[in-house]
Structure formats: structure tokens, C-alpha cells
Protein backbone atom coordinates (compact mmCIF):
# COMPACT_ATOMS: atom_id res chain seq x y z
CA MET A 1 1.40 1.38 0.74
CA ILE A 2 2.71 0.78 4.22
CA ARG A 3 4.63 3.35 6.23
CA LEU A 4 8.01 2.36 7.64
CA THR A 5 10.76 4.26 9.44
CA ARG A 6 14.35 4.28 8.23
CA MET A 7 17.23 4.16 10.68
CA ASP A 8 17.74 7.94 10.43
CA GLY A 9 14.10 8.58 11.43
CA SER A 10 12.75 9.50 8.00
CA GLU A 11 9.55 7.89 6.77
CA LEU A 12 9.39 5.46 3.89
CA TYR A 13 6.23 4.31 2.10
CA LEU A 14 6.66 0.87 0.60
CA ASN A 15 4.51 -1.22 -1.73
CA PRO A 16 4.04 -4.53 0.15
CA ASP A 17 3.56 -6.45 -3.10
CA LEU A 18 7.23 -5.82 -3.96
CA ILE A 19 8.64 -7.30 -0.75
CA GLU A 20 10.61 -10.48 -1.36
CA THR A 21 12.12 -11.13 2.08
CA ILE A 22 12.18 -9.60 5.54
CA GLU A 23 15.23 -10.50 7.60
CA GLU A 24 15.33 -9.68 11.28
CA THR A 25 18.85 -9.53 12.64
CA PRO A 26 19.39 -6.86 15.28
CA ASP A 27 18.09 -4.57 12.51
CA THR A 28 15.32 -5.35 10.05
CA HIS A 29 16.35 -5.72 6.40
CA ILE A 30 13.74 -5.68 3.63
CA ALA A 31 14.67 -6.97 0.17
CA LEU A 32 12.44 -6.06 -2.76
CA LEU A 33 11.89 -7.91 -6.02
CA ASN A 34 13.71 -5.18 -7.96
CA GLY A 35 16.90 -5.69 -5.91
CA ASN A 36 16.56 -2.70 -3.58
CA ARG A 37 17.23 -3.30 0.10
CA TYR A 38 16.02 -1.17 2.99
CA LEU A 39 17.04 -1.05 6.64
CA VAL A 40 14.11 -0.10 8.90
CA LEU A 41 13.41 0.32 12.60
CA GLU A 42 10.20 -1.74 12.81
CA PRO A 43 10.48 -5.44 13.69
CA ALA A 44 9.26 -8.05 11.21
CA ALA A 45 6.07 -8.78 13.19
CA VAL A 46 5.00 -5.13 12.95
CA ILE A 47 5.70 -5.06 9.20
CA VAL A 48 3.69 -8.23 8.63
CA GLY A 49 0.84 -6.78 10.70
CA ARG A 50 0.82 -3.61 8.59
CA ILE A 51 0.78 -5.66 5.39
CA ILE A 52 -2.20 -7.68 6.66
CA THR A 53 -4.04 -4.50 7.66
CA PHE A 54 -3.32 -2.92 4.27
CA LYS A 55 -4.57 -5.95 2.32
CA ALA A 56 -7.62 -6.37 4.59
CA GLY A 57 -8.56 -2.74 3.92
CA ILE A 58 -8.40 -3.34 0.18
CA GLN A 59 -10.59 -6.45 0.51
CA ARG A 60 -13.08 -4.64 2.73
CA ARG A 61 -13.44 -1.75 0.26
CA SER A 62 -13.85 -4.09 -2.70
CA PHE A 63 -16.73 -6.06 -1.15
CA THR A 64 -18.91 -3.21 0.11
CA ASP A 65 -22.40 -2.92 -1.34
CA VAL A 66 -22.58 0.80 -0.61
CA LYS A 67 -22.69 2.81 -3.80
CA ARG A 68 -20.22 5.63 -3.76
CA LYS A 69 -21.61 9.02 -4.60
CA TYR A 70 -18.60 9.94 -6.71
CA LEU A 71 -19.09 6.85 -8.88
CA LEU A 72 -22.63 7.77 -9.90
CA ARG A 73 -23.38 10.06 -12.83
CA GLN A 74 -25.44 12.96 -11.61
CA ARG A 75 -26.92 13.87 -14.98
CA LYS A 76 -26.79 11.44 -17.85
CA ASP A 77 -27.57 14.13 -20.43
CA ASN A 78 -24.47 16.16 -19.41
CA TYR A 79 -22.14 13.18 -19.71
CA ARG A 80 -19.76 13.67 -22.61
CA PRO A 81 -16.71 11.43 -22.79
CA VAL A 82 -13.57 13.26 -23.82
CA CYS A 83 -11.16 11.73 -26.29
CA PRO A 84 -7.69 13.29 -26.06
CA LEU A 85 -6.78 12.20 -29.60
């Protein structure tokens, strides 16, 4: 999610995968695939930079060889999967 600022100063977190177009007139208009449109303060270059940073962070985390402590089972004998059915 990328953080953007609406014209009234409130923050908006937007999924960059849903962005269809970014139009930069005096104001920046963002059109989403679901038909929603947003008017934001940031220029298009800043939005594109935030999208690139967001996607690069996802790529960087997916290619690390460091094993995460929270992904490892501490004790295999205490592992009991729970079935909610």
C-alpha cells in the first residue's frame, strides 16, 4: 500500500495494483480499475516513485535467504494443526 494525501489533508492508503491511470492536470487524478477516482496532492512522479519503492520492497523481501525466526517451528512435537470444522 502506498500513502497519499487527499486535497483536504487526510491520508489515503492505496493499493498500487488497482491503479489504472494517473492524470496530472493542475491536480493529480488517480483512476482505479473498479471505477473509483481520487484527487491527491502528490504529483505523478512522486506516486510512481512510491509504487516503485513499494514493489522493490516486496521483491527484496521475497528473495532473501535469511530464515525468519517466526517461520520456524520451535518444537515439532508440540505442533498440532487446528481444524476449525
